């Protein structure tokens, strides 16, 4: 019995001894600067935030710094589960790319985004739900 208690005590002490800060700063971690979801691409990262009928896109470098809308060209399409893909009208607003999404009778929309920066393209796919 004492060996079991000693083993449990040792395990608990070891866990606190090896715990430390900085795990969120590990190489390769994707940081969401605007509270959205970040997708990694070959040339840049894309953070998206979907709220009600609005979609905001924030392109960022691999280091996590936001890219200016003048540095990136974005095109996107949205497709309901039983619908056709429709081009989204994207506007630059307050450092983000903003588009209105119409869900119609669907509860989710699949969005395909193509970005072009410095002559190189990336493609991202994700779903936005109501």
Protein backbone atom coordinates (compact mmCIF):
# COMPACT_ATOMS: atom_id res chain seq x y z
CA UNK A 1 0.00 0.00 0.00
CA UNK A 2 2.78 2.41 0.88
CA UNK A 3 4.52 1.62 -2.43
CA UNK A 4 1.34 2.53 -4.32
CA UNK A 5 0.99 5.83 -2.47
CA UNK A 6 4.67 6.58 -3.04
CA UNK A 7 4.26 5.88 -6.78
CA UNK A 8 1.18 8.14 -7.04
CA UNK A 9 2.96 10.92 -5.13
CA UNK A 10 6.01 10.66 -7.38
CA UNK A 11 3.89 10.89 -10.52
CA UNK A 12 2.08 13.98 -9.23
CA UNK A 13 5.36 15.69 -8.32
CA UNK A 14 6.89 14.85 -11.72
CA UNK A 15 3.96 16.41 -13.58
CA UNK A 16 4.34 19.75 -11.85
CA UNK A 17 8.13 19.66 -12.17
CA UNK A 18 7.97 19.37 -15.97
CA UNK A 19 5.13 21.86 -16.50
CA UNK A 20 6.22 25.24 -17.85
CA UNK A 21 5.06 28.16 -19.95
CA UNK A 22 5.71 28.78 -23.62
CA UNK A 23 4.00 25.84 -25.27
CA UNK A 24 1.96 28.25 -27.38
CA UNK A 25 5.19 29.66 -28.86
CA UNK A 26 6.45 26.41 -30.35
CA UNK A 27 7.71 26.47 -33.94
CA UNK A 28 4.95 25.76 -36.42
CA UNK A 29 2.11 26.87 -34.15
CA UNK A 30 -0.57 28.83 -35.98
CA UNK A 31 -1.64 31.97 -34.16
CA UNK A 32 -5.13 33.40 -34.65
CA UNK A 33 -4.72 37.18 -34.50
CA UNK A 34 -8.45 37.90 -34.89
CA UNK A 35 -10.09 35.06 -32.97
CA UNK A 36 -10.83 32.90 -36.00
CA UNK A 37 -9.55 29.65 -37.42
CA UNK A 38 -6.17 29.61 -39.14
CA UNK A 39 -5.39 27.43 -42.15
CA UNK A 40 -1.77 26.88 -43.21
CA UNK A 41 -0.83 27.29 -46.83
CA UNK A 42 2.37 26.87 -48.79
CA UNK A 43 2.90 30.60 -49.33
CA UNK A 44 0.81 32.19 -46.55
CA UNK A 45 -1.71 31.42 -43.83
CA UNK A 46 -5.37 32.35 -43.95
CA UNK A 47 -7.49 33.14 -40.91
CA UNK A 48 -11.26 33.17 -41.35
CA UNK A 49 -14.00 34.40 -39.07
CA UNK A 50 -17.61 33.58 -39.89
CA UNK A 51 -20.41 35.36 -38.04
CA UNK A 52 -24.07 35.30 -39.10
CA UNK A 53 -23.98 36.12 -42.81
CA UNK A 54 -20.54 37.73 -42.93
CA UNK A 55 -17.20 36.11 -43.66
CA UNK A 56 -13.93 37.88 -42.84
CA UNK A 57 -10.62 36.69 -44.28
CA UNK A 58 -7.25 37.73 -42.88
CA UNK A 59 -4.18 36.66 -44.87
CA UNK A 60 -1.01 36.40 -42.77
CA UNK A 61 2.62 35.47 -43.27
CA UNK A 62 3.96 32.24 -41.82
CA UNK A 63 5.44 34.31 -39.00
CA UNK A 64 1.90 35.38 -37.99
CA UNK A 65 2.01 38.99 -39.21
CA UNK A 66 -1.05 40.28 -41.06
CA UNK A 67 -0.57 41.08 -44.73
CA UNK A 68 -2.01 44.29 -46.13
CA UNK A 69 -4.93 43.87 -48.54
CA UNK A 70 -2.81 45.51 -51.23
CA UNK A 71 -0.29 42.64 -51.01
CA UNK A 72 -2.80 39.85 -51.62
CA UNK A 73 -5.44 39.15 -54.24
CA UNK A 74 -8.30 36.91 -53.07
CA UNK A 75 -11.07 35.16 -54.98
CA UNK A 76 -13.62 32.83 -53.39
CA UNK A 77 -16.59 30.63 -54.17
CA UNK A 78 -19.32 29.34 -51.86
CA UNK A 79 -21.30 26.16 -52.34
CA UNK A 80 -24.27 24.84 -50.39
CA UNK A 81 -24.45 21.04 -49.94
CA UNK A 82 -27.07 20.68 -52.70
CA UNK A 83 -26.31 23.81 -54.68
CA UNK A 84 -23.99 25.21 -57.27
CA UNK A 85 -20.77 27.06 -56.50
CA UNK A 86 -21.26 30.83 -56.63
CA UNK A 87 -18.55 33.49 -56.75
CA UNK A 88 -18.36 35.63 -53.63
CA UNK A 89 -18.02 39.39 -53.87
CA UNK A 90 -15.06 40.29 -51.66
CA UNK A 91 -14.31 43.81 -50.44
CA UNK A 92 -11.34 45.14 -48.52
CA UNK A 93 -12.54 46.70 -45.26
CA UNK A 94 -10.55 47.66 -42.13
CA UNK A 95 -7.55 45.46 -43.01
CA UNK A 96 -9.67 42.41 -43.79
CA UNK A 97 -11.34 40.90 -46.81
CA UNK A 98 -15.10 40.83 -46.15
CA UNK A 99 -17.85 38.98 -48.01
CA UNK A 100 -21.54 38.42 -47.43
CA UNK A 101 -22.70 34.78 -47.42
CA UNK A 102 -26.23 33.66 -48.20
CA UNK A 103 -27.08 30.35 -46.60
CA UNK A 104 -30.55 30.17 -48.20
CA UNK A 105 -31.96 26.86 -46.87
CA UNK A 106 -28.60 25.37 -45.89
CA UNK A 107 -27.04 25.40 -42.44
CA UNK A 108 -23.47 25.28 -43.75
CA UNK A 109 -21.58 26.50 -46.78
CA UNK A 110 -18.34 25.14 -48.23
CA UNK A 111 -16.00 27.99 -49.15
CA UNK A 112 -13.04 27.69 -51.51
CA UNK A 113 -10.57 30.56 -51.38
CA UNK A 114 -7.69 31.20 -53.77
CA UNK A 115 -5.03 33.68 -52.71
CA UNK A 116 -2.28 35.16 -54.83
CA UNK A 117 0.72 36.91 -53.27
CA UNK A 118 4.01 37.68 -54.99
CA UNK A 119 2.86 35.75 -58.07
CA UNK A 120 2.29 32.52 -56.11
CA UNK A 121 -1.12 30.96 -55.44
CA UNK A 122 -2.59 29.05 -52.51
CA UNK A 123 -5.96 27.33 -52.23
CA UNK A 124 -7.93 26.89 -49.01
CA UNK A 125 -11.20 25.00 -48.36
CA UNK A 126 -13.31 25.25 -45.25
CA UNK A 127 -16.93 25.21 -44.06
CA UNK A 128 -18.86 28.05 -42.49
CA UNK A 129 -21.92 27.23 -40.38
CA UNK A 130 -24.81 29.43 -39.29
